Amino acid sequence: MSDPDQAAPLTSAQVQAWLGSPRFARYTGAAGGDEPVALRLYQWNAQMAAAALVDVGHFEVALRNAYDGQLNARFVPAVGR
């Protein structure tokens, strides 16, 4: 049984069609022209971006809760709390 958290590997053609050749060229350049390495570099980059978004989501909730607390303290009457 395959791991549902693991995406199927992308082919070079699929990545180029999705990202466009100029963007994929940045990965192939960084990989010394080795397309399989460039694909792994792209996947690593996508995983790092996804991991960062988890933290952004936590920060957004904390910020929203802080705003809510301050707005309630300022604008909601004490008897309404």
PDB file of N, CA and C in Angstrom:
ATOM      1  N   MET A   1       0.852  -1.186   0.000  1.00  0.00           N
ATOM      2  CA  MET A   1       0.000   0.000   0.000  1.00  0.00           C
ATOM      3  C   MET A   1       0.889   1.236   0.000  1.00  0.00           C
ATOM      4  N   SER A   2       0.556   2.222  -0.784  1.00  0.00           N
ATOM      5  CA  SER A   2       1.376   3.427  -0.861  1.00  0.00           C
ATOM      6  C   SER A   2       1.020   4.408   0.249  1.00  0.00           C
ATOM      7  N   ASP A   3       1.988   5.249   0.586  1.00  0.00           N
ATOM      8  CA  ASP A   3       1.805   6.262   1.625  1.00  0.00           C
ATOM      9  C   ASP A   3       0.971   7.412   1.058  1.00  0.00           C
ATOM     10  N   PRO A   4      -0.206   7.703   1.633  1.00  0.00           N
ATOM     11  CA  PRO A   4      -1.065   8.769   1.087  1.00  0.00           C
ATOM     12  C   PRO A   4      -0.462  10.159   1.245  1.00  0.00           C
ATOM     13  N   ASP A   5       0.547  10.308   2.114  1.00  0.00           N
ATOM     14  CA  ASP A   5       1.179  11.605   2.298  1.00  0.00           C
ATOM     15  C   ASP A   5       2.258  11.882   1.257  1.00  0.00           C
ATOM     16  N   GLN A   6       2.628  10.868   0.500  1.00  0.00           N
ATOM     17  CA  GLN A   6       3.658  11.030  -0.511  1.00  0.00           C
ATOM     18  C   GLN A   6       3.019  11.208  -1.891  1.00  0.00           C
ATOM     19  N   ALA A   7       3.327  12.326  -2.524  1.00  0.00           N
ATOM     20  CA  ALA A   7       2.805  12.578  -3.863  1.00  0.00           C
ATOM     21  C   ALA A   7       3.559  11.714  -4.868  1.00  0.00           C
ATOM     22  N   ALA A   8       2.874  11.394  -5.949  1.00  0.00           N
ATOM     23  CA  ALA A   8       3.527  10.651  -7.016  1.00  0.00           C
ATOM     24  C   ALA A   8       4.628  11.527  -7.609  1.00  0.00           C
ATOM     25  N   PRO A   9       5.759  10.944  -7.964  1.00  0.00           N
ATOM     26  CA  PRO A   9       6.844  11.743  -8.519  1.00  0.00           C
ATOM     27  C   PRO A   9       6.415  12.429  -9.813  1.00  0.00           C
ATOM     28  N   LEU A  10       6.858  13.643  -9.972  1.00  0.00           N
ATOM     29  CA  LEU A  10       6.561  14.399 -11.180  1.00  0.00           C
ATOM     30  C   LEU A  10       7.643  14.151 -12.213  1.00  0.00           C
ATOM     31  N   THR A  11       7.242  14.123 -13.471  1.00  0.00           N
ATOM     32  CA  THR A  11       8.224  14.006 -14.542  1.00  0.00           C
ATOM     33  C   THR A  11       8.707  15.409 -14.910  1.00  0.00           C
ATOM     34  N   SER A  12       9.824  15.453 -15.589  1.00  0.00           N
ATOM     35  CA  SER A  12      10.365  16.729 -16.042  1.00  0.00           C
ATOM     36  C   SER A  12       9.366  17.459 -16.941  1.00  0.00           C
ATOM     37  N   ALA A  13       8.710  16.719 -17.817  1.00  0.00           N
ATOM     38  CA  ALA A  13       7.726  17.334 -18.721  1.00  0.00           C
ATOM     39  C   ALA A  13       6.555  17.921 -17.943  1.00  0.00           C
ATOM     40  N   GLN A  14       6.100  17.207 -16.905  1.00  0.00           N
ATOM     41  CA  GLN A  14       4.992  17.725 -16.098  1.00  0.00           C
ATOM     42  C   GLN A  14       5.383  19.003 -15.367  1.00  0.00           C
ATOM     43  N   VAL A  15       6.573  19.017 -14.799  1.00  0.00           N
ATOM     44  CA  VAL A  15       7.029  20.209 -14.079  1.00  0.00           C
ATOM     45  C   VAL A  15       7.191  21.377 -15.039  1.00  0.00           C
ATOM     46  N   GLN A  16       7.772  21.141 -16.191  1.00  0.00           N
ATOM     47  CA  GLN A  16       7.954  22.220 -17.160  1.00  0.00           C
ATOM     48  C   GLN A  16       6.611  22.742 -17.669  1.00  0.00           C
ATOM     49  N   ALA A  17       5.637  21.854 -17.856  1.00  0.00           N
ATOM     50  CA  ALA A  17       4.320  22.287 -18.316  1.00  0.00           C
ATOM     51  C   ALA A  17       3.620  23.117 -17.241  1.00  0.00           C
ATOM     52  N   TRP A  18       3.818  22.763 -15.983  1.00  0.00           N
ATOM     53  CA  TRP A  18       3.150  23.449 -14.875  1.00  0.00           C
ATOM     54  C   TRP A  18       3.879  24.733 -14.503  1.00  0.00           C
ATOM     55  N   LEU A  19       5.188  24.637 -14.304  1.00  0.00           N
ATOM     56  CA  LEU A  19       5.958  25.807 -13.889  1.00  0.00           C
ATOM     57  C   LEU A  19       6.356  26.700 -15.042  1.00  0.00           C
ATOM     58  N   GLY A  20       6.504  26.119 -16.190  1.00  0.00           N
ATOM     59  CA  GLY A  20       7.041  26.834 -17.342  1.00  0.00           C
ATOM     60  C   GLY A  20       8.542  26.587 -17.417  1.00  0.00           C
ATOM     61  N   SER A  21       9.033  26.543 -18.618  1.00  0.00           N
ATOM     62  CA  SER A  21      10.452  26.249 -18.830  1.00  0.00           C
ATOM     63  C   SER A  21      11.378  27.250 -18.154  1.00  0.00           C
ATOM     64  N   PRO A  22      11.082  28.572 -18.212  1.00  0.00           N
ATOM     65  CA  PRO A  22      12.012  29.515 -17.563  1.00  0.00           C
ATOM     66  C   PRO A  22      12.161  29.270 -16.056  1.00  0.00           C
ATOM     67  N   ARG A  23      11.065  28.985 -15.382  1.00  0.00           N
ATOM     68  CA  ARG A  23      11.158  28.745 -13.928  1.00  0.00           C
ATOM     69  C   ARG A  23      11.878  27.427 -13.643  1.00  0.00           C
ATOM     70  N   PHE A  24      11.548  26.385 -14.394  1.00  0.00           N
ATOM     71  CA  PHE A  24      12.215  25.105 -14.171  1.00  0.00           C
ATOM     72  C   PHE A  24      13.701  25.208 -14.497  1.00  0.00           C
ATOM     73  N   ALA A  25      14.049  26.096 -15.413  1.00  0.00           N
ATOM     74  CA  ALA A  25      15.460  26.290 -15.764  1.00  0.00           C
ATOM     75  C   ALA A  25      16.272  26.753 -14.549  1.00  0.00           C
ATOM     76  N   ARG A  26      15.631  27.489 -13.632  1.00  0.00           N
ATOM     77  CA  ARG A  26      16.334  27.905 -12.417  1.00  0.00           C
ATOM     78  C   ARG A  26      16.727  26.687 -11.589  1.00  0.00           C
ATOM     79  N   TYR A  27      15.844  25.691 -11.531  1.00  0.00           N
ATOM     80  CA  TYR A  27      16.142  24.478 -10.770  1.00  0.00           C
ATOM     81  C   TYR A  27      17.188  23.630 -11.488  1.00  0.00           C
ATOM     82  N   THR A  28      17.064  23.500 -12.802  1.00  0.00           N
ATOM     83  CA  THR A  28      18.060  22.709 -13.533  1.00  0.00           C
ATOM     84  C   THR A  28      19.416  23.389 -13.479  1.00  0.00           C
ATOM     85  N   GLY A  29      19.436  24.719 -13.509  1.00  0.00           N
ATOM     86  CA  GLY A  29      20.709  25.434 -13.370  1.00  0.00           C
ATOM     87  C   GLY A  29      21.339  25.185 -12.013  1.00  0.00           C
ATOM     88  N   ALA A  30      20.521  25.238 -10.958  1.00  0.00           N
ATOM     89  CA  ALA A  30      21.022  24.993  -9.598  1.00  0.00           C
ATOM     90  C   ALA A  30      21.476  23.548  -9.438  1.00  0.00           C
ATOM     91  N   ALA A  31      20.900  22.651 -10.236  1.00  0.00           N
ATOM     92  CA  ALA A  31      21.240  21.228 -10.157  1.00  0.00           C
ATOM     93  C   ALA A  31      22.323  20.850 -11.154  1.00  0.00           C
ATOM     94  N   GLY A  32      22.964  21.826 -11.762  1.00  0.00           N
ATOM     95  CA  GLY A  32      24.031  21.529 -12.714  1.00  0.00           C
ATOM     96  C   GLY A  32      23.546  20.836 -13.966  1.00  0.00           C
ATOM     97  N   GLY A  33      22.279  21.097 -14.356  1.00  0.00           N
ATOM     98  CA  GLY A  33      21.717  20.505 -15.560  1.00  0.00           C
ATOM     99  C   GLY A  33      21.130  19.115 -15.360  1.00  0.00           C
ATOM    100  N   ASP A  34      21.216  18.592 -14.177  1.00  0.00           N
ATOM    101  CA  ASP A  34      20.707  17.248 -13.880  1.00  0.00           C
ATOM    102  C   ASP A  34      19.217  17.354 -13.557  1.00  0.00           C
ATOM    103  N   GLU A  35      18.357  16.943 -14.510  1.00  0.00           N
ATOM    104  CA  GLU A  35      16.910  17.092 -14.326  1.00  0.00           C
ATOM    105  C   GLU A  35      16.341  16.295 -13.156  1.00  0.00           C
ATOM    106  N   PRO A  36      16.748  15.055 -12.926  1.00  0.00           N
ATOM    107  CA  PRO A  36      16.233  14.359 -11.739  1.00  0.00           C
ATOM    108  C   PRO A  36      16.585  15.098 -10.436  1.00  0.00           C
ATOM    109  N   VAL A  37      17.786  15.645 -10.361  1.00  0.00           N
ATOM    110  CA  VAL A  37      18.169  16.424  -9.184  1.00  0.00           C
ATOM    111  C   VAL A  37      17.336  17.703  -9.127  1.00  0.00           C
ATOM    112  N   ALA A  38      17.097  18.315 -10.278  1.00  0.00           N
ATOM    113  CA  ALA A  38      16.269  19.527 -10.326  1.00  0.00           C
ATOM    114  C   ALA A  38      14.851  19.236  -9.846  1.00  0.00           C
ATOM    115  N   LEU A  39      14.306  18.085 -10.227  1.00  0.00           N
ATOM    116  CA  LEU A  39      12.975  17.701  -9.764  1.00  0.00           C
ATOM    117  C   LEU A  39      12.956  17.509  -8.249  1.00  0.00           C
ATOM    118  N   ARG A  40      14.001  16.864  -7.718  1.00  0.00           N
ATOM    119  CA  ARG A  40      14.076  16.695  -6.258  1.00  0.00           C
ATOM    120  C   ARG A  40      14.233  18.036  -5.566  1.00  0.00           C
ATOM    121  N   LEU A  41      14.983  18.942  -6.145  1.00  0.00           N
ATOM    122  CA  LEU A  41      15.146  20.285  -5.589  1.00  0.00           C
ATOM    123  C   LEU A  41      13.811  21.031  -5.588  1.00  0.00           C
ATOM    124  N   TYR A  42      13.062  20.902  -6.675  1.00  0.00           N
ATOM    125  CA  TYR A  42      11.735  21.533  -6.735  1.00  0.00           C
ATOM    126  C   TYR A  42      10.822  20.956  -5.651  1.00  0.00           C
ATOM    127  N   GLN A  43      10.821  19.636  -5.504  1.00  0.00           N
ATOM    128  CA  GLN A  43       9.974  18.993  -4.494  1.00  0.00           C
ATOM    129  C   GLN A  43      10.391  19.428  -3.088  1.00  0.00           C
ATOM    130  N   TRP A  44      11.695  19.495  -2.842  1.00  0.00           N
ATOM    131  CA  TRP A  44      12.187  19.957  -1.545  1.00  0.00           C
ATOM    132  C   TRP A  44      11.713  21.382  -1.280  1.00  0.00           C
ATOM    133  N   ASN A  45      11.814  22.244  -2.287  1.00  0.00           N
ATOM    134  CA  ASN A  45      11.368  23.633  -2.154  1.00  0.00           C
ATOM    135  C   ASN A  45       9.870  23.696  -1.831  1.00  0.00           C
ATOM    136  N   ALA A  46       9.075  22.882  -2.497  1.00  0.00           N
ATOM    137  CA  ALA A  46       7.635  22.855  -2.243  1.00  0.00           C
ATOM    138  C   ALA A  46       7.347  22.372  -0.819  1.00  0.00           C
ATOM    139  N   GLN A  47       8.086  21.382  -0.355  1.00  0.00           N
ATOM    140  CA  GLN A  47       7.896  20.883   1.006  1.00  0.00           C
ATOM    141  C   GLN A  47       8.285  21.931   2.045  1.00  0.00           C
ATOM    142  N   MET A  48       9.349  22.665   1.793  1.00  0.00           N
ATOM    143  CA  MET A  48       9.771  23.724   2.718  1.00  0.00           C
ATOM    144  C   MET A  48       8.724  24.843   2.763  1.00  0.00           C
ATOM    145  N   ALA A  49       8.169  25.191   1.609  1.00  0.00           N
ATOM    146  CA  ALA A  49       7.130  26.226   1.560  1.00  0.00           C
ATOM    147  C   ALA A  49       5.887  25.765   2.319  1.00  0.00           C
ATOM    148  N   ALA A  50       5.514  24.506   2.151  1.00  0.00           N
ATOM    149  CA  ALA A  50       4.337  23.971   2.858  1.00  0.00           C
ATOM    150  C   ALA A  50       4.574  23.962   4.367  1.00  0.00           C
ATOM    151  N   ALA A  51       5.769  23.597   4.780  1.00  0.00           N
ATOM    152  CA  ALA A  51       6.080  23.588   6.210  1.00  0.00           C
ATOM    153  C   ALA A  51       6.016  24.996   6.782  1.00  0.00           C
ATOM    154  N   ALA A  52       6.489  25.972   6.037  1.00  0.00           N
ATOM    155  CA  ALA A  52       6.452  27.360   6.508  1.00  0.00           C
ATOM    156  C   ALA A  52       5.014  27.850   6.637  1.00  0.00           C
ATOM    157  N   LEU A  53       4.139  27.398   5.758  1.00  0.00           N
ATOM    158  CA  LEU A  53       2.744  27.834   5.817  1.00  0.00           C
ATOM    159  C   LEU A  53       2.041  27.349   7.076  1.00  0.00           C
ATOM    160  N   VAL A  54       2.479  26.243   7.646  1.00  0.00           N
ATOM    161  CA  VAL A  54       1.904  25.779   8.910  1.00  0.00           C
ATOM    162  C   VAL A  54       2.150  26.837   9.978  1.00  0.00           C
ATOM    163  N   ASP A  55       3.378  27.330  10.054  1.00  0.00           N
ATOM    164  CA  ASP A  55       3.706  28.367  11.034  1.00  0.00           C
ATOM    165  C   ASP A  55       2.964  29.665  10.750  1.00  0.00           C
ATOM    166  N   VAL A  56       2.828  30.010   9.493  1.00  0.00           N
ATOM    167  CA  VAL A  56       2.074  31.216   9.123  1.00  0.00           C
ATOM    168  C   VAL A  56       0.625  31.073   9.594  1.00  0.00           C
ATOM    169  N   GLY A  57       0.058  29.895   9.446  1.00  0.00           N
ATOM    170  CA  GLY A  57      -1.309  29.659   9.892  1.00  0.00           C
ATOM    171  C   GLY A  57      -1.459  29.810  11.397  1.00  0.00           C
ATOM    172  N   HIS A  58      -0.488  29.291  12.147  1.00  0.00           N
ATOM    173  CA  HIS A  58      -0.530  29.446  13.609  1.00  0.00           C
ATOM    174  C   HIS A  58      -0.420  30.916  13.996  1.00  0.00           C
ATOM    175  N   PHE A  59       0.465  31.634  13.340  1.00  0.00           N
ATOM    176  CA  PHE A  59       0.635  33.058  13.630  1.00  0.00           C
ATOM    177  C   PHE A  59      -0.648  33.824  13.313  1.00  0.00           C
ATOM    178  N   GLU A  60      -1.285  33.476  12.212  1.00  0.00           N
ATOM    179  CA  GLU A  60      -2.529  34.164  11.813  1.00  0.00           C
ATOM    180  C   GLU A  60      -3.608  33.980  12.877  1.00  0.00           C
ATOM    181  N   VAL A  61      -3.741  32.769  13.417  1.00  0.00           N
ATOM    182  CA  VAL A  61      -4.740  32.509  14.456  1.00  0.00           C
ATOM    183  C   VAL A  61      -4.404  33.306  15.712  1.00  0.00           C
ATOM    184  N   ALA A  62      -3.135  33.316  16.121  1.00  0.00           N
ATOM    185  CA  ALA A  62      -2.729  34.063  17.310  1.00  0.00           C
ATOM    186  C   ALA A  62      -2.980  35.561  17.123  1.00  0.00           C
ATOM    187  N   LEU A  63      -2.663  36.087  15.954  1.00  0.00           N
ATOM    188  CA  LEU A  63      -2.885  37.508  15.677  1.00  0.00           C
ATOM    189  C   LEU A  63      -4.379  37.835  15.683  1.00  0.00           C
ATOM    190  N   ARG A  64      -5.176  36.969  15.060  1.00  0.00           N
ATOM    191  CA  ARG A  64      -6.618  37.196  15.020  1.00  0.00           C
ATOM    192  C   ARG A  64      -7.206  37.171  16.440  1.00  0.00           C
ATOM    193  N   ASN A  65      -6.739  36.240  17.259  1.00  0.00           N
ATOM    194  CA  ASN A  65      -7.216  36.176  18.639  1.00  0.00           C
ATOM    195  C   ASN A  65      -6.787  37.401  19.438  1.00  0.00           C
ATOM    196  N   ALA A  66      -5.592  37.900  19.202  1.00  0.00           N
ATOM    197  CA  ALA A  66      -5.129  39.110  19.892  1.00  0.00           C
ATOM    198  C   ALA A  66      -5.990  40.308  19.492  1.00  0.00           C
ATOM    199  N   TYR A  67      -6.267  40.438  18.187  1.00  0.00           N
ATOM    200  CA  TYR A  67      -7.155  41.521  17.729  1.00  0.00           C
ATOM    201  C   TYR A  67      -8.531  41.393  18.388  1.00  0.00           C
ATOM    202  N   ASP A  68      -9.066  40.185  18.426  1.00  0.00           N
ATOM    203  CA  ASP A  68     -10.377  39.965  19.017  1.00  0.00           C
ATOM    204  C   ASP A  68     -10.388  40.377  20.488  1.00  0.00           C
ATOM    205  N   GLY A  69      -9.367  40.000  21.215  1.00  0.00           N
ATOM    206  CA  GLY A  69      -9.291  40.369  22.616  1.00  0.00           C
ATOM    207  C   GLY A  69      -9.246  41.869  22.825  1.00  0.00           C
ATOM    208  N   GLN A  70      -8.453  42.552  22.020  1.00  0.00           N
ATOM    209  CA  GLN A  70      -8.339  44.001  22.148  1.00  0.00           C
ATOM    210  C   GLN A  70      -9.627  44.711  21.726  1.00  0.00           C
ATOM    211  N   LEU A  71     -10.234  44.267  20.657  1.00  0.00           N
ATOM    212  CA  LEU A  71     -11.479  44.895  20.202  1.00  0.00           C
ATOM    213  C   LEU A  71     -12.610  44.656  21.195  1.00  0.00           C
ATOM    214  N   ASN A  72     -12.681  43.455  21.734  1.00  0.00           N
ATOM    215  CA  ASN A  72     -13.702  43.178  22.743  1.00  0.00           C
ATOM    216  C   ASN A  72     -13.483  44.014  23.996  1.00  0.00           C
ATOM    217  N   ALA A  73     -12.235  44.151  24.415  1.00  0.00           N
ATOM    218  CA  ALA A  73     -11.938  44.943  25.611  1.00  0.00           C
ATOM    219  C   ALA A  73     -12.314  46.406  25.404  1.00  0.00           C
ATOM    220  N   ARG A  74     -12.183  46.886  24.197  1.00  0.00           N
ATOM    221  CA  ARG A  74     -12.443  48.300  23.912  1.00  0.00           C
ATOM    222  C   ARG A  74     -13.908  48.579  23.608  1.00  0.00           C
ATOM    223  N   PHE A  75     -14.565  47.721  22.862  1.00  0.00           N
ATOM    224  CA  PHE A  75     -15.876  48.055  22.324  1.00  0.00           C
ATOM    225  C   PHE A  75     -17.057  47.256  22.880  1.00  0.00           C
ATOM    226  N   VAL A  76     -16.827  46.165  23.570  1.00  0.00           N
ATOM    227  CA  VAL A  76     -17.934  45.374  24.112  1.00  0.00           C
ATOM    228  C   VAL A  76     -18.154  45.794  25.568  1.00  0.00           C
ATOM    229  N   PRO A  77     -19.356  46.217  25.910  1.00  0.00           N
ATOM    230  CA  PRO A  77     -19.628  46.610  27.282  1.00  0.00           C
ATOM    231  C   PRO A  77     -19.354  45.473  28.261  1.00  0.00           C
ATOM    232  N   ALA A  78     -18.935  45.802  29.467  1.00  0.00           N
ATOM    233  CA  ALA A  78     -18.606  44.798  30.474  1.00  0.00           C
ATOM    234  C   ALA A  78     -19.770  43.854  30.756  1.00  0.00           C
ATOM    235  N   VAL A  79     -20.996  44.380  30.737  1.00  0.00           N
ATOM    236  CA  VAL A  79     -22.171  43.528  31.000  1.00  0.00           C
ATOM    237  C   VAL A  79     -22.435  42.553  29.858  1.00  0.00           C
ATOM    238  N   GLY A  80     -21.919  42.835  28.680  1.00  0.00           N
ATOM    239  CA  GLY A  80     -22.136  41.957  27.527  1.00  0.00           C
ATOM    240  C   GLY A  80     -21.146  40.820  27.457  1.00  0.00           C
ATOM    241  N   ARG A  81     -20.162  40.815  28.324  1.00  0.00           N
ATOM    242  CA  ARG A  81     -19.123  39.773  28.273  1.00  0.00           C
ATOM    243  C   ARG A  81     -19.482  38.582  29.039  1.00  0.00           C
TER     244      ARG A  81
END
